[in-house]
C-alpha atoms as a PDB file:
ATOM      1  CA  MET A   1      26.655 -70.215   8.858  1.00  0.00           C
ATOM      2  CA  SER A   2      25.261 -70.443  12.384  1.00  0.00           C
ATOM      3  CA  SER A   3      22.733 -67.889  13.580  1.00  0.00           C
ATOM      4  CA  SER A   4      25.129 -66.299  16.101  1.00  0.00           C
ATOM      5  CA  LYS A   5      27.845 -66.100  13.468  1.00  0.00           C
ATOM      6  CA  TYR A   6      25.309 -64.455  11.193  1.00  0.00           C
ATOM      7  CA  ALA A   7      24.372 -61.938  13.827  1.00  0.00           C
ATOM      8  CA  ILE A   8      27.988 -61.034  14.520  1.00  0.00           C
ATOM      9  CA  THR A   9      28.790 -60.702  10.791  1.00  0.00           C
ATOM     10  CA  ALA A  10      25.776 -58.439  10.299  1.00  0.00           C
ATOM     11  CA  TYR A  11      26.854 -56.251  13.210  1.00  0.00           C
ATOM     12  CA  ARG A  12      30.486 -56.038  11.965  1.00  0.00           C
ATOM     13  CA  THR A  13      29.247 -55.221   8.451  1.00  0.00           C
ATOM     14  CA  ALA A  14      27.100 -52.456   9.911  1.00  0.00           C
ATOM     15  CA  THR A  15      29.987 -51.031  11.770  1.00  0.00           C
ATOM     16  CA  ARG A  16      32.308 -51.009   8.668  1.00  0.00           C
ATOM     17  CA  THR A  17      29.658 -49.279   6.549  1.00  0.00           C
ATOM     18  CA  ALA A  18      28.470 -46.544   9.062  1.00  0.00           C
ATOM     19  CA  PRO A  19      30.253 -44.957  12.029  1.00  0.00           C
ATOM     20  CA  PRO A  20      29.974 -47.368  15.097  1.00  0.00           C
ATOM     21  CA  LEU A  21      27.551 -45.420  17.144  1.00  0.00           C
ATOM     22  CA  VAL A  22      25.359 -44.775  14.068  1.00  0.00           C
ATOM     23  CA  ALA A  23      25.469 -48.555  13.326  1.00  0.00           C
ATOM     24  CA  VAL A  24      24.208 -49.242  16.879  1.00  0.00           C
ATOM     25  CA  VAL A  25      21.377 -46.832  16.501  1.00  0.00           C
ATOM     26  CA  MET A  26      20.547 -48.590  13.068  1.00  0.00           C
ATOM     27  CA  CYS A  27      20.563 -51.953  14.911  1.00  0.00           C
ATOM     28  CA  TYR A  28      18.176 -50.637  17.507  1.00  0.00           C
ATOM     29  CA  ASP A  29      15.852 -49.232  14.722  1.00  0.00           C
ATOM     30  CA  ASP A  30      15.776 -52.683  13.040  1.00  0.00           C
ATOM     31  CA  VAL A  31      14.916 -54.369  16.359  1.00  0.00           C
ATOM     32  CA  LEU A  32      12.089 -51.841  16.909  1.00  0.00           C
ATOM     33  CA  ASN A  33      10.709 -52.324  13.443  1.00  0.00           C
ATOM     34  CA  ARG A  34      10.818 -56.139  13.855  1.00  0.00           C
ATOM     35  CA  LEU A  35       8.889 -55.751  17.126  1.00  0.00           C
ATOM     36  CA  ALA A  36       6.294 -53.673  15.365  1.00  0.00           C
ATOM     37  CA  ASN A  37       6.019 -56.345  12.624  1.00  0.00           C
ATOM     38  CA  ALA A  38       5.800 -59.240  15.178  1.00  0.00           C
ATOM     39  CA  ALA A  39       3.031 -57.314  17.017  1.00  0.00           C
ATOM     40  CA  ARG A  40       1.043 -56.969  13.783  1.00  0.00           C
ATOM     41  CA  ALA A  41       1.589 -60.686  13.011  1.00  0.00           C
ATOM     42  CA  GLY A  42       0.291 -61.489  16.475  1.00  0.00           C
ATOM     43  CA  TRP A  43      -2.806 -59.375  15.939  1.00  0.00           C
ATOM     44  CA  ARG A  44      -3.428 -61.426  12.732  1.00  0.00           C
ATOM     45  CA  GLY A  45      -2.745 -64.727  14.536  1.00  0.00           C
ATOM     46  CA  ASP A  46       0.157 -65.288  12.122  1.00  0.00           C
ATOM     47  CA  TYR A  47       2.494 -66.897  14.624  1.00  0.00           C
ATOM     48  CA  GLU A  48       4.992 -68.061  12.055  1.00  0.00           C
ATOM     49  CA  ALA A  49       5.585 -64.465  10.744  1.00  0.00           C
ATOM     50  CA  GLN A  50       5.666 -63.302  14.414  1.00  0.00           C
ATOM     51  CA  TYR A  51       8.336 -65.949  15.162  1.00  0.00           C
ATOM     52  CA  LYS A  52      10.462 -64.932  12.158  1.00  0.00           C
ATOM     53  CA  GLU A  53      10.357 -61.297  13.143  1.00  0.00           C
ATOM     54  CA  ILE A  54      11.361 -62.120  16.581  1.00  0.00           C
ATOM     55  CA  TYR A  55      14.088 -64.399  15.461  1.00  0.00           C
ATOM     56  CA  ARG A  56      15.544 -61.643  13.406  1.00  0.00           C
ATOM     57  CA  ALA A  57      15.301 -59.199  16.234  1.00  0.00           C
ATOM     58  CA  THR A  58      17.110 -61.593  18.599  1.00  0.00           C
ATOM     59  CA  LEU A  59      19.781 -62.138  15.924  1.00  0.00           C
ATOM     60  CA  ILE A  60      20.412 -58.407  15.983  1.00  0.00           C
ATOM     61  CA  LEU A  61      20.364 -58.250  19.777  1.00  0.00           C
ATOM     62  CA  THR A  62      22.883 -61.214  19.784  1.00  0.00           C
ATOM     63  CA  GLY A  63      25.207 -59.006  17.461  1.00  0.00           C
ATOM     64  CA  LEU A  64      24.769 -56.098  19.788  1.00  0.00           C
ATOM     65  CA  ALA A  65      25.660 -58.235  22.794  1.00  0.00           C
ATOM     66  CA  SER A  66      28.714 -59.587  21.079  1.00  0.00           C
ATOM     67  CA  GLY A  67      30.002 -56.161  20.562  1.00  0.00           C
ATOM     68  CA  VAL A  68      29.896 -55.238  24.248  1.00  0.00           C
ATOM     69  CA  ASP A  69      33.340 -54.810  25.665  1.00  0.00           C
ATOM     70  CA  LEU A  70      32.952 -55.717  29.359  1.00  0.00           C
ATOM     71  CA  GLU A  71      36.670 -54.741  30.089  1.00  0.00           C
ATOM     72  CA  LYS A  72      36.494 -51.280  28.740  1.00  0.00           C
ATOM     73  CA  GLY A  73      32.797 -50.625  29.321  1.00  0.00           C
ATOM     74  CA  GLY A  74      32.578 -51.282  32.960  1.00  0.00           C
ATOM     75  CA  GLU A  75      29.155 -51.269  34.722  1.00  0.00           C
ATOM     76  CA  VAL A  76      27.403 -49.865  31.690  1.00  0.00           C
ATOM     77  CA  ALA A  77      28.629 -52.703  29.525  1.00  0.00           C
ATOM     78  CA  VAL A  78      27.497 -55.080  32.056  1.00  0.00           C
ATOM     79  CA  ARG A  79      24.041 -53.642  32.106  1.00  0.00           C
ATOM     80  CA  LEU A  80      23.841 -53.563  28.310  1.00  0.00           C
ATOM     81  CA  GLU A  81      24.906 -57.213  28.099  1.00  0.00           C
ATOM     82  CA  ASP A  82      22.219 -58.090  30.635  1.00  0.00           C
ATOM     83  CA  LEU A  83      19.626 -56.056  28.806  1.00  0.00           C
ATOM     84  CA  TYR A  84      20.276 -57.698  25.567  1.00  0.00           C
ATOM     85  CA  ASN A  85      20.295 -61.233  26.982  1.00  0.00           C
ATOM     86  CA  THR A  86      17.201 -60.536  28.961  1.00  0.00           C
ATOM     87  CA  LEU A  87      15.488 -59.249  25.795  1.00  0.00           C
ATOM     88  CA  ILE A  88      16.462 -62.265  23.790  1.00  0.00           C
ATOM     89  CA  VAL A  89      14.960 -64.652  26.382  1.00  0.00           C
ATOM     90  CA  THR A  90      11.800 -62.505  26.884  1.00  0.00           C
ATOM     91  CA  LEU A  91      11.074 -62.043  23.147  1.00  0.00           C
ATOM     92  CA  ASN A  92      11.334 -65.716  22.463  1.00  0.00           C
ATOM     93  CA  ARG A  93       9.086 -66.655  25.442  1.00  0.00           C
ATOM     94  CA  LEU A  94       6.351 -64.259  24.094  1.00  0.00           C
ATOM     95  CA  VAL A  95       5.932 -65.758  20.686  1.00  0.00           C
ATOM     96  CA  ALA A  96       2.285 -66.903  20.120  1.00  0.00           C
ATOM     97  CA  LYS A  97       1.216 -65.665  23.532  1.00  0.00           C
ATOM     98  CA  ARG A  98      -2.142 -63.840  23.471  1.00  0.00           C
ATOM     99  CA  ASP A  99      -0.681 -60.613  24.972  1.00  0.00           C
ATOM    100  CA  ALA A 100       2.451 -60.646  22.993  1.00  0.00           C
ATOM    101  CA  PRO A 101       1.639 -57.561  20.915  1.00  0.00           C
ATOM    102  CA  GLN A 102       1.116 -55.558  24.088  1.00  0.00           C
ATOM    103  CA  GLN A 103       4.239 -56.953  25.653  1.00  0.00           C
ATOM    104  CA  TYR A 104       6.192 -56.112  22.450  1.00  0.00           C
ATOM    105  CA  ARG A 105       5.024 -52.442  22.836  1.00  0.00           C
ATOM    106  CA  GLN A 106       6.129 -52.166  26.320  1.00  0.00           C
ATOM    107  CA  ILE A 107       9.455 -53.689  25.414  1.00  0.00           C
ATOM    108  CA  ALA A 108       9.778 -51.269  22.388  1.00  0.00           C
ATOM    109  CA  GLU A 109       8.948 -48.221  24.702  1.00  0.00           C
ATOM    110  CA  ALA A 110      11.779 -49.234  27.040  1.00  0.00           C
ATOM    111  CA  LEU A 111      14.178 -49.998  24.215  1.00  0.00           C
ATOM    112  CA  MET A 112      13.455 -46.753  22.559  1.00  0.00           C
ATOM    113  CA  GLU A 113      14.785 -44.897  25.613  1.00  0.00           C
ATOM    114  CA  THR A 114      18.138 -46.726  25.182  1.00  0.00           C
ATOM    115  CA  ARG A 115      18.085 -46.226  21.328  1.00  0.00           C
ATOM    116  CA  ASN A 116      17.618 -42.456  21.823  1.00  0.00           C
ATOM    117  CA  ALA A 117      20.451 -42.324  24.344  1.00  0.00           C
ATOM    118  CA  TRP A 118      22.658 -43.987  21.695  1.00  0.00           C
ATOM    119  CA  ALA A 119      21.353 -41.595  19.035  1.00  0.00           C
ATOM    120  CA  GLU A 120      22.104 -38.565  21.190  1.00  0.00           C
ATOM    121  CA  VAL A 121      25.710 -39.701  21.665  1.00  0.00           C
ATOM    122  CA  ALA A 122      25.974 -40.564  17.960  1.00  0.00           C
ATOM    123  CA  GLY A 123      24.444 -37.136  17.006  1.00  0.00           C
ATOM    124  CA  THR A 124      21.515 -38.625  15.118  1.00  0.00           C
ATOM    125  CA  SER A 125      17.778 -38.017  15.325  1.00  0.00           C
ATOM    126  CA  MET A 126      15.619 -39.087  18.091  1.00  0.00           C
ATOM    127  CA  ARG A 127      12.639 -41.312  17.482  1.00  0.00           C
ATOM    128  CA  GLU A 128       9.216 -42.155  19.010  1.00  0.00           C
ATOM    129  CA  ILE A 129       6.990 -45.148  18.936  1.00  0.00           C
ATOM    130  CA  GLU A 130       5.082 -45.191  15.721  1.00  0.00           C
ATOM    131  CA  PRO A 131       1.351 -44.651  15.429  1.00  0.00           C
ATOM    132  CA  SER A 132       1.063 -48.216  14.006  1.00  0.00           C
ATOM    133  CA  TRP A 133       1.515 -49.444  17.624  1.00  0.00           C
ATOM    134  CA  ASP A 134      -1.998 -48.088  18.454  1.00  0.00           C
ATOM    135  CA  TYR A 135      -3.703 -51.100  20.052  1.00  0.00           C
ATOM    136  CA  ASP A 136      -7.003 -49.443  20.271  1.00  0.00           C
ATOM    137  CA  ASN A 137      -7.266 -49.917  16.510  1.00  0.00           C
ATOM    138  CA  ALA A 138      -5.889 -53.418  16.423  1.00  0.00           C
ATOM    139  CA  PRO A 139      -8.173 -55.966  14.703  1.00  0.00           C
ATOM    140  CA  PRO A 140     -10.300 -57.984  17.192  1.00  0.00           C
ATOM    141  CA  ARG A 141      -9.040 -61.493  17.818  1.00  0.00           C
ATOM    142  CA  GLU A 142     -11.170 -64.548  18.277  1.00  0.00           C
ATOM    143  CA  PRO A 143     -11.082 -65.975  22.036  1.00  0.00           C
ATOM    144  CA  VAL A 144      -8.486 -68.732  22.397  1.00  0.00           C
ATOM    145  CA  GLU A 145      -9.888 -71.790  24.130  1.00  0.00           C
ATOM    146  CA  GLU A 146      -7.696 -73.044  26.934  1.00  0.00           C
ATOM    147  CA  SER A 147      -7.061 -76.820  26.778  1.00  0.00           C
ATOM    148  CA  ALA A 148      -8.015 -78.870  29.762  1.00  0.00           C
ATOM    149  CA  GLY A 149      -4.416 -79.832  30.298  1.00  0.00           C
ATOM    150  CA  ALA A 150      -3.099 -76.252  30.360  1.00  0.00           C
END
C-alpha cells in the first residue's frame, strides 16, 4: 500500500471509530507527539529516528489534507489544505538540520492553536505544549563541522 493510501486509510479508520471532529483532534495529537519525538531524536543526533517520526507525522497530515472538502469548506478549507501541505514540505526539509528541534517546537506551538480550535468545536479537552519541549534542558550537541563545499 502506498504511503498516501496508508494515510487516507488511517484517517478513515479514525473517523469510523470516533466521531469525526474527535478523530481530527486525535490526528493532531499524534502529529504533535511525533514532533516531540522527532525533536528528542534530533537532540540525540539520531536522524534516522527523527526521519521516521517526521515521516509518520506527514502521513497523518496527508490524511487530514485528503479529508478537506474544498467545495463545502470554502476559505477555511483552502487555508487548512494550505496549512497541511506547507507543514509536510517544511517538516521534511528540517530533518537532520541543526536547528530542527527548535523549529519543531515553533511548528508545534502554532499547530497547537489549530488543534485546540478543533478540540473546542469537538467538545474535547484543550492541550498545551508538554514540558518535555524544554530546550534549556536539552542535552548539549557536539558542533557540526561544515564541509568546504557547503
